[in-house]
Amino acid sequence: KVMVPNDNIKVVPVSYNKEKMISTIVRNNKKNNTYNILSV
């Protein structure tokens, strides 16, 4: 769609920070110790 040459593009998947992810999940769930993640 943008006409960027294919050879000029390198795919680097987004990584995740384990400590940051745990702190975010815990911070957003203050009711109990069960953590439910929904992905659609």
PDB file of all heavy atoms in Angstrom:
ATOM      1  N   LYS A   1       0.797  -1.226   0.000  1.00  0.00           N
ATOM      2  CA  LYS A   1       0.000   0.000   0.000  1.00  0.00           C
ATOM      3  C   LYS A   1       0.833   1.281   0.000  1.00  0.00           C
ATOM      4  O   LYS A   1       0.397   2.313  -0.506  1.00  0.00           O
ATOM      5  CB  LYS A   1      -0.931   0.016   1.219  1.00  0.00           C
ATOM      6  CG  LYS A   1      -1.896  -1.165   1.291  1.00  0.00           C
ATOM      7  CD  LYS A   1      -2.908  -1.137   0.166  1.00  0.00           C
ATOM      8  CE  LYS A   1      -3.918  -2.272   0.305  1.00  0.00           C
ATOM      9  NZ  LYS A   1      -4.929  -2.266  -0.800  1.00  0.00           N
ATOM     10  N   VAL A   2       2.015   1.213   0.615  1.00  0.00           N
ATOM     11  CA  VAL A   2       2.844   2.422   0.734  1.00  0.00           C
ATOM     12  C   VAL A   2       4.023   2.375  -0.235  1.00  0.00           C
ATOM     13  O   VAL A   2       4.739   3.351  -0.397  1.00  0.00           O
ATOM     14  CB  VAL A   2       3.343   2.580   2.192  1.00  0.00           C
ATOM     15  CG1 VAL A   2       4.022   3.918   2.407  1.00  0.00           C
ATOM     16  CG2 VAL A   2       2.166   2.458   3.171  1.00  0.00           C
ATOM     17  N   MET A   3       4.204   1.251  -0.882  1.00  0.00           N
ATOM     18  CA  MET A   3       5.246   1.063  -1.894  1.00  0.00           C
ATOM     19  C   MET A   3       6.666   1.161  -1.336  1.00  0.00           C
ATOM     20  O   MET A   3       7.575   1.688  -1.977  1.00  0.00           O
ATOM     21  CB  MET A   3       5.072   2.072  -3.047  1.00  0.00           C
ATOM     22  CG  MET A   3       3.720   1.988  -3.707  1.00  0.00           C
ATOM     23  SD  MET A   3       3.366   0.275  -4.253  1.00  0.00           S
ATOM     24  CE  MET A   3       1.598   0.328  -4.525  1.00  0.00           C
ATOM     25  N   VAL A   4       6.839   0.658  -0.124  1.00  0.00           N
ATOM     26  CA  VAL A   4       8.177   0.539   0.448  1.00  0.00           C
ATOM     27  C   VAL A   4       8.781  -0.764  -0.072  1.00  0.00           C
ATOM     28  O   VAL A   4       8.124  -1.818  -0.002  1.00  0.00           O
ATOM     29  CB  VAL A   4       8.129   0.521   1.991  1.00  0.00           C
ATOM     30  CG1 VAL A   4       9.521   0.244   2.559  1.00  0.00           C
ATOM     31  CG2 VAL A   4       7.580   1.833   2.520  1.00  0.00           C
ATOM     32  N   PRO A   5      10.010  -0.753  -0.595  1.00  0.00           N
ATOM     33  CA  PRO A   5      10.625  -1.998  -1.093  1.00  0.00           C
ATOM     34  C   PRO A   5      10.666  -3.085  -0.013  1.00  0.00           C
ATOM     35  O   PRO A   5      11.050  -2.815   1.129  1.00  0.00           O
ATOM     36  CB  PRO A   5      12.043  -1.553  -1.482  1.00  0.00           C
ATOM     37  CG  PRO A   5      11.902  -0.087  -1.792  1.00  0.00           C
ATOM     38  CD  PRO A   5      10.866   0.422  -0.821  1.00  0.00           C
ATOM     39  N   ASN A   6      10.270  -4.270  -0.389  1.00  0.00           N
ATOM     40  CA  ASN A   6      10.180  -5.379   0.564  1.00  0.00           C
ATOM     41  C   ASN A   6      11.513  -5.647   1.276  1.00  0.00           C
ATOM     42  O   ASN A   6      11.554  -5.939   2.471  1.00  0.00           O
ATOM     43  CB  ASN A   6       9.717  -6.641  -0.162  1.00  0.00           C
ATOM     44  CG  ASN A   6       9.503  -7.812   0.776  1.00  0.00           C
ATOM     45  OD1 ASN A   6       8.593  -7.820   1.591  1.00  0.00           O
ATOM     46  ND2 ASN A   6      10.363  -8.824   0.657  1.00  0.00           N
ATOM     47  N   ASP A   7      12.617  -5.530   0.537  1.00  0.00           N
ATOM     48  CA  ASP A   7      13.939  -5.813   1.098  1.00  0.00           C
ATOM     49  C   ASP A   7      14.379  -4.770   2.123  1.00  0.00           C
ATOM     50  O   ASP A   7      15.351  -4.990   2.849  1.00  0.00           O
ATOM     51  CB  ASP A   7      14.981  -5.899  -0.021  1.00  0.00           C
ATOM     52  CG  ASP A   7      14.760  -7.101  -0.920  1.00  0.00           C
ATOM     53  OD1 ASP A   7      14.076  -8.044  -0.486  1.00  0.00           O
ATOM     54  OD2 ASP A   7      15.269  -7.094  -2.064  1.00  0.00           O
ATOM     55  N   ASN A   8      13.695  -3.640   2.178  1.00  0.00           N
ATOM     56  CA  ASN A   8      14.060  -2.568   3.114  1.00  0.00           C
ATOM     57  C   ASN A   8      13.374  -2.716   4.466  1.00  0.00           C
ATOM     58  O   ASN A   8      13.579  -1.881   5.355  1.00  0.00           O
ATOM     59  CB  ASN A   8      13.698  -1.198   2.528  1.00  0.00           C
ATOM     60  CG  ASN A   8      14.736  -0.731   1.517  1.00  0.00           C
ATOM     61  OD1 ASN A   8      15.702  -1.435   1.244  1.00  0.00           O
ATOM     62  ND2 ASN A   8      14.533   0.444   0.957  1.00  0.00           N
ATOM     63  N   ILE A   9      12.549  -3.754   4.624  1.00  0.00           N
ATOM     64  CA  ILE A   9      11.755  -3.900   5.851  1.00  0.00           C
ATOM     65  C   ILE A   9      12.207  -5.124   6.632  1.00  0.00           C
ATOM     66  O   ILE A   9      12.259  -6.235   6.097  1.00  0.00           O
ATOM     67  CB  ILE A   9      10.252  -4.034   5.522  1.00  0.00           C
ATOM     68  CG1 ILE A   9       9.792  -2.892   4.617  1.00  0.00           C
ATOM     69  CG2 ILE A   9       9.432  -4.038   6.812  1.00  0.00           C
ATOM     70  CD1 ILE A   9       8.391  -3.070   4.060  1.00  0.00           C
ATOM     71  N   LYS A  10      12.517  -4.917   7.902  1.00  0.00           N
ATOM     72  CA  LYS A  10      12.878  -6.009   8.806  1.00  0.00           C
ATOM     73  C   LYS A  10      11.790  -6.153   9.852  1.00  0.00           C
ATOM     74  O   LYS A  10      11.415  -5.187  10.522  1.00  0.00           O
ATOM     75  CB  LYS A  10      14.223  -5.705   9.495  1.00  0.00           C
ATOM     76  CG  LYS A  10      14.659  -6.741  10.511  1.00  0.00           C
ATOM     77  CD  LYS A  10      15.059  -8.056   9.863  1.00  0.00           C
ATOM     78  CE  LYS A  10      15.621  -9.023  10.899  1.00  0.00           C
ATOM     79  NZ  LYS A  10      16.004 -10.323  10.283  1.00  0.00           N
ATOM     80  N   VAL A  11      11.254  -7.368  10.010  1.00  0.00           N
ATOM     81  CA  VAL A  11      10.212  -7.622  11.006  1.00  0.00           C
ATOM     82  C   VAL A  11      10.866  -7.943  12.346  1.00  0.00           C
ATOM     83  O   VAL A  11      11.639  -8.902  12.463  1.00  0.00           O
ATOM     84  CB  VAL A  11       9.287  -8.775  10.580  1.00  0.00           C
ATOM     85  CG1 VAL A  11       8.280  -9.091  11.688  1.00  0.00           C
ATOM     86  CG2 VAL A  11       8.565  -8.426   9.284  1.00  0.00           C
ATOM     87  N   VAL A  12      10.556  -7.130  13.353  1.00  0.00           N
ATOM     88  CA  VAL A  12      11.050  -7.344  14.721  1.00  0.00           C
ATOM     89  C   VAL A  12       9.831  -7.345  15.649  1.00  0.00           C
ATOM     90  O   VAL A  12       9.296  -6.277  15.972  1.00  0.00           O
ATOM     91  CB  VAL A  12      12.038  -6.250  15.156  1.00  0.00           C
ATOM     92  CG1 VAL A  12      12.541  -6.521  16.578  1.00  0.00           C
ATOM     93  CG2 VAL A  12      13.200  -6.155  14.181  1.00  0.00           C
ATOM     94  N   PRO A  13       9.340  -8.502  16.055  1.00  0.00           N
ATOM     95  CA  PRO A  13       8.138  -8.570  16.908  1.00  0.00           C
ATOM     96  C   PRO A  13       8.327  -7.809  18.217  1.00  0.00           C
ATOM     97  O   PRO A  13       9.439  -7.742  18.761  1.00  0.00           O
ATOM     98  CB  PRO A  13       7.965 -10.071  17.165  1.00  0.00           C
ATOM     99  CG  PRO A  13       8.684 -10.732  16.033  1.00  0.00           C
ATOM    100  CD  PRO A  13       9.848  -9.837  15.721  1.00  0.00           C
ATOM    101  N   VAL A  14       7.244  -7.249  18.715  1.00  0.00           N
ATOM    102  CA  VAL A  14       7.272  -6.520  19.980  1.00  0.00           C
ATOM    103  C   VAL A  14       7.504  -7.498  21.124  1.00  0.00           C
ATOM    104  O   VAL A  14       6.822  -8.520  21.229  1.00  0.00           O
ATOM    105  CB  VAL A  14       5.951  -5.753  20.196  1.00  0.00           C
ATOM    106  CG1 VAL A  14       5.960  -5.033  21.549  1.00  0.00           C
ATOM    107  CG2 VAL A  14       5.735  -4.745  19.065  1.00  0.00           C
ATOM    108  N   SER A  15       8.460  -7.205  21.982  1.00  0.00           N
ATOM    109  CA  SER A  15       8.750  -8.068  23.122  1.00  0.00           C
ATOM    110  C   SER A  15       7.878  -7.672  24.303  1.00  0.00           C
ATOM    111  O   SER A  15       7.117  -6.705  24.227  1.00  0.00           O
ATOM    112  CB  SER A  15      10.225  -7.954  23.509  1.00  0.00           C
ATOM    113  OG  SER A  15      10.522  -6.621  23.876  1.00  0.00           O
ATOM    114  N   TYR A  16       7.986  -8.422  25.392  1.00  0.00           N
ATOM    115  CA  TYR A  16       7.229  -8.058  26.580  1.00  0.00           C
ATOM    116  C   TYR A  16       8.150  -8.031  27.789  1.00  0.00           C
ATOM    117  O   TYR A  16       9.132  -8.777  27.864  1.00  0.00           O
ATOM    118  CB  TYR A  16       6.047  -9.013  26.804  1.00  0.00           C
ATOM    119  CG  TYR A  16       6.365 -10.236  27.634  1.00  0.00           C
ATOM    120  CD1 TYR A  16       5.948 -10.326  28.951  1.00  0.00           C
ATOM    121  CD2 TYR A  16       7.069 -11.307  27.094  1.00  0.00           C
ATOM    122  CE1 TYR A  16       6.224 -11.447  29.710  1.00  0.00           C
ATOM    123  CE2 TYR A  16       7.346 -12.433  27.840  1.00  0.00           C
ATOM    124  CZ  TYR A  16       6.924 -12.501  29.154  1.00  0.00           C
ATOM    125  OH  TYR A  16       7.209 -13.602  29.900  1.00  0.00           O
ATOM    126  N   ASN A  17       7.835  -7.143  28.711  1.00  0.00           N
ATOM    127  CA  ASN A  17       8.593  -7.007  29.947  1.00  0.00           C
ATOM    128  C   ASN A  17       7.828  -7.726  31.047  1.00  0.00           C
ATOM    129  O   ASN A  17       6.741  -7.285  31.449  1.00  0.00           O
ATOM    130  CB  ASN A  17       8.779  -5.525  30.280  1.00  0.00           C
ATOM    131  CG  ASN A  17       9.635  -5.304  31.506  1.00  0.00           C
ATOM    132  OD1 ASN A  17       9.370  -5.849  32.569  1.00  0.00           O
ATOM    133  ND2 ASN A  17      10.661  -4.484  31.355  1.00  0.00           N
ATOM    134  N   LYS A  18       8.390  -8.831  31.523  1.00  0.00           N
ATOM    135  CA  LYS A  18       7.687  -9.680  32.486  1.00  0.00           C
ATOM    136  C   LYS A  18       7.310  -8.922  33.752  1.00  0.00           C
ATOM    137  O   LYS A  18       6.162  -8.967  34.210  1.00  0.00           O
ATOM    138  CB  LYS A  18       8.559 -10.889  32.834  1.00  0.00           C
ATOM    139  CG  LYS A  18       7.902 -11.870  33.796  1.00  0.00           C
ATOM    140  CD  LYS A  18       8.835 -13.047  34.040  1.00  0.00           C
ATOM    141  CE  LYS A  18       8.227 -14.026  35.029  1.00  0.00           C
ATOM    142  NZ  LYS A  18       9.139 -15.160  35.291  1.00  0.00           N
ATOM    143  N   GLU A  19       8.261  -8.206  34.342  1.00  0.00           N
ATOM    144  CA  GLU A  19       8.002  -7.483  35.590  1.00  0.00           C
ATOM    145  C   GLU A  19       6.941  -6.401  35.393  1.00  0.00           C
ATOM    146  O   GLU A  19       6.045  -6.219  36.219  1.00  0.00           O
ATOM    147  CB  GLU A  19       9.297  -6.856  36.120  1.00  0.00           C
ATOM    148  CG  GLU A  19      10.309  -7.852  36.667  1.00  0.00           C
ATOM    149  CD  GLU A  19      10.999  -8.664  35.564  1.00  0.00           C
ATOM    150  OE1 GLU A  19      11.022  -8.182  34.412  1.00  0.00           O
ATOM    151  OE2 GLU A  19      11.483  -9.765  35.864  1.00  0.00           O
ATOM    152  N   LYS A  20       7.030  -5.688  34.285  1.00  0.00           N
ATOM    153  CA  LYS A  20       6.072  -4.620  34.005  1.00  0.00           C
ATOM    154  C   LYS A  20       4.676  -5.180  33.772  1.00  0.00           C
ATOM    155  O   LYS A  20       3.674  -4.602  34.222  1.00  0.00           O
ATOM    156  CB  LYS A  20       6.523  -3.821  32.777  1.00  0.00           C
ATOM    157  CG  LYS A  20       5.718  -2.571  32.505  1.00  0.00           C
ATOM    158  CD  LYS A  20       6.328  -1.780  31.363  1.00  0.00           C
ATOM    159  CE  LYS A  20       5.570  -0.493  31.116  1.00  0.00           C
ATOM    160  NZ  LYS A  20       6.177   0.292  30.005  1.00  0.00           N
ATOM    161  N   MET A  21       4.595  -6.327  33.098  1.00  0.00           N
ATOM    162  CA  MET A  21       3.305  -6.942  32.819  1.00  0.00           C
ATOM    163  C   MET A  21       2.643  -7.415  34.109  1.00  0.00           C
ATOM    164  O   MET A  21       1.438  -7.216  34.314  1.00  0.00           O
ATOM    165  CB  MET A  21       3.482  -8.109  31.855  1.00  0.00           C
ATOM    166  CG  MET A  21       2.197  -8.626  31.258  1.00  0.00           C
ATOM    167  SD  MET A  21       2.529  -9.755  29.888  1.00  0.00           S
ATOM    168  CE  MET A  21       0.868  -9.955  29.228  1.00  0.00           C
ATOM    169  N   ILE A  22       3.425  -8.037  35.000  1.00  0.00           N
ATOM    170  CA  ILE A  22       2.878  -8.513  36.274  1.00  0.00           C
ATOM    171  C   ILE A  22       2.371  -7.346  37.110  1.00  0.00           C
ATOM    172  O   ILE A  22       1.263  -7.390  37.665  1.00  0.00           O
ATOM    173  CB  ILE A  22       3.942  -9.319  37.048  1.00  0.00           C
ATOM    174  CG1 ILE A  22       4.211 -10.649  36.350  1.00  0.00           C
ATOM    175  CG2 ILE A  22       3.489  -9.556  38.492  1.00  0.00           C
ATOM    176  CD1 ILE A  22       5.315 -11.465  36.982  1.00  0.00           C
ATOM    177  N   SER A  23       3.156  -6.267  37.190  1.00  0.00           N
ATOM    178  CA  SER A  23       2.743  -5.114  37.997  1.00  0.00           C
ATOM    179  C   SER A  23       1.488  -4.469  37.432  1.00  0.00           C
ATOM    180  O   SER A  23       0.616  -4.009  38.183  1.00  0.00           O
ATOM    181  CB  SER A  23       3.872  -4.082  38.066  1.00  0.00           C
ATOM    182  OG  SER A  23       4.152  -3.551  36.783  1.00  0.00           O
ATOM    183  N   THR A  24       1.354  -4.439  36.095  1.00  0.00           N
ATOM    184  CA  THR A  24       0.156  -3.859  35.465  1.00  0.00           C
ATOM    185  C   THR A  24      -1.075  -4.704  35.766  1.00  0.00           C
ATOM    186  O   THR A  24      -2.143  -4.177  36.098  1.00  0.00           O
ATOM    187  CB  THR A  24       0.352  -3.760  33.940  1.00  0.00           C
ATOM    188  OG1 THR A  24       1.482  -2.938  33.663  1.00  0.00           O
ATOM    189  CG2 THR A  24      -0.888  -3.165  33.284  1.00  0.00           C
ATOM    190  N   ILE A  25      -0.947  -6.031  35.661  1.00  0.00           N
ATOM    191  CA  ILE A  25      -2.070  -6.929  35.928  1.00  0.00           C
ATOM    192  C   ILE A  25      -2.518  -6.811  37.377  1.00  0.00           C
ATOM    193  O   ILE A  25      -3.707  -6.708  37.680  1.00  0.00           O
ATOM    194  CB  ILE A  25      -1.691  -8.392  35.601  1.00  0.00           C
ATOM    195  CG1 ILE A  25      -1.463  -8.552  34.094  1.00  0.00           C
ATOM    196  CG2 ILE A  25      -2.796  -9.346  36.067  1.00  0.00           C
ATOM    197  CD1 ILE A  25      -0.889  -9.904  33.713  1.00  0.00           C
ATOM    198  N   VAL A  26      -1.560  -6.802  38.284  1.00  0.00           N
ATOM    199  CA  VAL A  26      -1.880  -6.704  39.713  1.00  0.00           C
ATOM    200  C   VAL A  26      -2.518  -5.366  40.037  1.00  0.00           C
ATOM    201  O   VAL A  26      -3.493  -5.282  40.789  1.00  0.00           O
ATOM    202  CB  VAL A  26      -0.601  -6.915  40.568  1.00  0.00           C
ATOM    203  CG1 VAL A  26      -0.892  -6.638  42.039  1.00  0.00           C
ATOM    204  CG2 VAL A  26      -0.079  -8.332  40.387  1.00  0.00           C
ATOM    205  N   ARG A  27      -1.991  -4.296  39.473  1.00  0.00           N
ATOM    206  CA  ARG A  27      -2.505  -2.950  39.747  1.00  0.00           C
ATOM    207  C   ARG A  27      -3.945  -2.791  39.274  1.00  0.00           C
ATOM    208  O   ARG A  27      -4.744  -2.090  39.889  1.00  0.00           O
ATOM    209  CB  ARG A  27      -1.617  -1.901  39.069  1.00  0.00           C
ATOM    210  CG  ARG A  27      -2.011  -0.463  39.414  1.00  0.00           C
ATOM    211  CD  ARG A  27      -1.034   0.542  38.830  1.00  0.00           C
ATOM    212  NE  ARG A  27      -1.003   0.523  37.381  1.00  0.00           N
ATOM    213  CZ  ARG A  27       0.010   0.083  36.650  1.00  0.00           C
ATOM    214  NH1 ARG A  27       1.081  -0.417  37.247  1.00  0.00           N
ATOM    215  NH2 ARG A  27      -0.033   0.115  35.327  1.00  0.00           N
ATOM    216  N   ASN A  28      -4.295  -3.444  38.168  1.00  0.00           N
ATOM    217  CA  ASN A  28      -5.634  -3.298  37.601  1.00  0.00           C
ATOM    218  C   ASN A  28      -6.651  -4.272  38.182  1.00  0.00           C
ATOM    219  O   ASN A  28      -7.809  -4.273  37.778  1.00  0.00           O
ATOM    220  CB  ASN A  28      -5.587  -3.469  36.080  1.00  0.00           C
ATOM    221  CG  ASN A  28      -4.841  -2.332  35.400  1.00  0.00           C
ATOM    222  OD1 ASN A  28      -4.782  -1.222  35.938  1.00  0.00           O
ATOM    223  ND2 ASN A  28      -4.274  -2.589  34.245  1.00  0.00           N
ATOM    224  N   ASN A  29      -6.215  -5.118  39.099  1.00  0.00           N
ATOM    225  CA  ASN A  29      -7.142  -6.064  39.716  1.00  0.00           C
ATOM    226  C   ASN A  29      -6.940  -6.042  41.231  1.00  0.00           C
ATOM    227  O   ASN A  29      -6.103  -6.741  41.771  1.00  0.00           O
ATOM    228  CB  ASN A  29      -6.903  -7.476  39.169  1.00  0.00           C
ATOM    229  CG  ASN A  29      -7.892  -8.482  39.723  1.00  0.00           C
ATOM    230  OD1 ASN A  29      -8.938  -8.098  40.256  1.00  0.00           O
ATOM    231  ND2 ASN A  29      -7.570  -9.755  39.624  1.00  0.00           N
ATOM    232  N   LYS A  30      -7.723  -5.227  41.913  1.00  0.00           N
ATOM    233  CA  LYS A  30      -7.570  -5.057  43.357  1.00  0.00           C
ATOM    234  C   LYS A  30      -8.613  -5.839  44.164  1.00  0.00           C
ATOM    235  O   LYS A  30      -8.612  -5.810  45.384  1.00  0.00           O
ATOM    236  CB  LYS A  30      -7.662  -3.568  43.710  1.00  0.00           C
ATOM    237  CG  LYS A  30      -6.586  -2.723  43.041  1.00  0.00           C
ATOM    238  CD  LYS A  30      -6.735  -1.249  43.383  1.00  0.00           C
ATOM    239  CE  LYS A  30      -5.654  -0.423  42.696  1.00  0.00           C
ATOM    240  NZ  LYS A  30      -5.796   1.021  42.998  1.00  0.00           N
ATOM    241  N   LYS A  31      -9.510  -6.575  43.470  1.00  0.00           N
ATOM    242  CA  LYS A  31     -10.598  -7.256  44.161  1.00  0.00           C
ATOM    243  C   LYS A  31     -10.170  -8.591  44.758  1.00  0.00           C
ATOM    244  O   LYS A  31     -10.528  -8.934  45.869  1.00  0.00           O
ATOM    245  CB  LYS A  31     -11.777  -7.451  43.203  1.00  0.00           C
ATOM    246  CG  LYS A  31     -12.424  -6.137  42.763  1.00  0.00           C
ATOM    247  CD  LYS A  31     -13.613  -6.403  41.847  1.00  0.00           C
ATOM    248  CE  LYS A  31     -14.276  -5.101  41.422  1.00  0.00           C
ATOM    249  NZ  LYS A  31     -15.433  -5.346  40.529  1.00  0.00           N
ATOM    250  N   ASN A  32      -9.395  -9.377  43.991  1.00  0.00           N
ATOM    251  CA  ASN A  32      -8.975 -10.699  44.483  1.00  0.00           C
ATOM    252  C   ASN A  32      -7.677 -11.089  43.801  1.00  0.00           C
ATOM    253  O   ASN A  32      -7.086 -10.321  43.059  1.00  0.00           O
ATOM    254  CB  ASN A  32     -10.063 -11.742  44.209  1.00  0.00           C
ATOM    255  CG  ASN A  32     -10.500 -11.719  42.746  1.00  0.00           C
ATOM    256  OD1 ASN A  32      -9.684 -11.898  41.857  1.00  0.00           O
ATOM    257  ND2 ASN A  32     -11.791 -11.502  42.509  1.00  0.00           N
ATOM    258  N   ASN A  33      -7.252 -12.322  44.047  1.00  0.00           N
ATOM    259  CA  ASN A  33      -5.979 -12.787  43.495  1.00  0.00           C
ATOM    260  C   ASN A  33      -6.134 -13.601  42.216  1.00  0.00           C
ATOM    261  O   ASN A  33      -5.191 -14.229  41.755  1.00  0.00           O
ATOM    262  CB  ASN A  33      -5.248 -13.637  44.541  1.00  0.00           C
ATOM    263  CG  ASN A  33      -4.797 -12.804  45.726  1.00  0.00           C
ATOM    264  OD1 ASN A  33      -4.410 -11.648  45.549  1.00  0.00           O
ATOM    265  ND2 ASN A  33      -4.859 -13.373  46.911  1.00  0.00           N
ATOM    266  N   THR A  34      -7.347 -13.616  41.654  1.00  0.00           N
ATOM    267  CA  THR A  34      -7.584 -14.292  40.387  1.00  0.00           C
ATOM    268  C   THR A  34      -7.463 -13.281  39.252  1.00  0.00           C
ATOM    269  O   THR A  34      -8.068 -12.213  39.293  1.00  0.00           O
ATOM    270  CB  THR A  34      -8.991 -14.933  40.355  1.00  0.00           C
ATOM    271  OG1 THR A  34      -9.099 -15.855  41.434  1.00  0.00           O
ATOM    272  CG2 THR A  34      -9.216 -15.667  39.043  1.00  0.00           C
ATOM    273  N   TYR A  35      -6.679 -13.612  38.227  1.00  0.00           N
ATOM    274  CA  TYR A  35      -6.418 -12.673  37.148  1.00  0.00           C
ATOM    275  C   TYR A  35      -6.883 -13.272  35.828  1.00  0.00           C
ATOM    276  O   TYR A  35      -6.337 -14.271  35.363  1.00  0.00           O
ATOM    277  CB  TYR A  35      -4.931 -12.344  37.087  1.00  0.00           C
ATOM    278  CG  TYR A  35      -4.383 -11.879  38.420  1.00  0.00           C
ATOM    279  CD1 TYR A  35      -3.677 -12.758  39.245  1.00  0.00           C
ATOM    280  CD2 TYR A  35      -4.598 -10.583  38.863  1.00  0.00           C
ATOM    281  CE1 TYR A  35      -3.186 -12.337  40.469  1.00  0.00           C
ATOM    282  CE2 TYR A  35      -4.113 -10.157  40.084  1.00  0.00           C
ATOM    283  CZ  TYR A  35      -3.414 -11.034  40.886  1.00  0.00           C
ATOM    284  OH  TYR A  35      -2.936 -10.623  42.100  1.00  0.00           O
ATOM    285  N   ASN A  36      -7.916 -12.677  35.235  1.00  0.00           N
ATOM    286  CA  ASN A  36      -8.479 -13.172  33.985  1.00  0.00           C
ATOM    287  C   ASN A  36      -8.098 -12.245  32.834  1.00  0.00           C
ATOM    288  O   ASN A  36      -8.306 -11.036  32.900  1.00  0.00           O
ATOM    289  CB  ASN A  36     -10.009 -13.261  34.089  1.00  0.00           C
ATOM    290  CG  ASN A  36     -10.438 -14.283  35.130  1.00  0.00           C
ATOM    291  OD1 ASN A  36      -9.947 -15.410  35.145  1.00  0.00           O
ATOM    292  ND2 ASN A  36     -11.344 -13.892  36.015  1.00  0.00           N
ATOM    293  N   ILE A  37      -7.544 -12.837  31.778  1.00  0.00           N
ATOM    294  CA  ILE A  37      -7.173 -12.090  30.583  1.00  0.00           C
ATOM    295  C   ILE A  37      -8.046 -12.560  29.430  1.00  0.00           C
ATOM    296  O   ILE A  37      -8.160 -13.760  29.173  1.00  0.00           O
ATOM    297  CB  ILE A  37      -5.689 -12.296  30.234  1.00  0.00           C
ATOM    298  CG1 ILE A  37      -4.795 -11.783  31.368  1.00  0.00           C
ATOM    299  CG2 ILE A  37      -5.341 -11.598  28.931  1.00  0.00           C
ATOM    300  CD1 ILE A  37      -3.325 -12.054  31.135  1.00  0.00           C
ATOM    301  N   LEU A  38      -8.678 -11.627  28.740  1.00  0.00           N
ATOM    302  CA  LEU A  38      -9.540 -11.937  27.594  1.00  0.00           C
ATOM    303  C   LEU A  38      -8.897 -11.387  26.324  1.00  0.00           C
ATOM    304  O   LEU A  38      -8.536 -10.218  26.261  1.00  0.00           O
ATOM    305  CB  LEU A  38     -10.930 -11.324  27.789  1.00  0.00           C
ATOM    306  CG  LEU A  38     -11.902 -11.465  26.611  1.00  0.00           C
ATOM    307  CD1 LEU A  38     -12.234 -12.934  26.359  1.00  0.00           C
ATOM    308  CD2 LEU A  38     -13.172 -10.658  26.864  1.00  0.00           C
ATOM    309  N   SER A  39      -8.753 -12.245  25.320  1.00  0.00           N
ATOM    310  CA  SER A  39      -8.204 -11.824  24.030  1.00  0.00           C
ATOM    311  C   SER A  39      -9.147 -12.279  22.926  1.00  0.00           C
ATOM    312  O   SER A  39      -9.489 -13.462  22.837  1.00  0.00           O
ATOM    313  CB  SER A  39      -6.808 -12.422  23.829  1.00  0.00           C
ATOM    314  OG  SER A  39      -6.210 -11.912  22.659  1.00  0.00           O
ATOM    315  N   VAL A  40      -9.576 -11.335  22.098  1.00  0.00           N
ATOM    316  CA  VAL A  40     -10.568 -11.622  21.060  1.00  0.00           C
ATOM    317  C   VAL A  40      -9.991 -11.277  19.692  1.00  0.00           C
ATOM    318  O   VAL A  40      -9.394 -10.208  19.508  1.00  0.00           O
ATOM    319  CB  VAL A  40     -11.861 -10.806  21.289  1.00  0.00           C
ATOM    320  CG1 VAL A  40     -12.898 -11.123  20.207  1.00  0.00           C
ATOM    321  CG2 VAL A  40     -12.424 -11.073  22.679  1.00  0.00           C
TER     322      VAL A  40
END
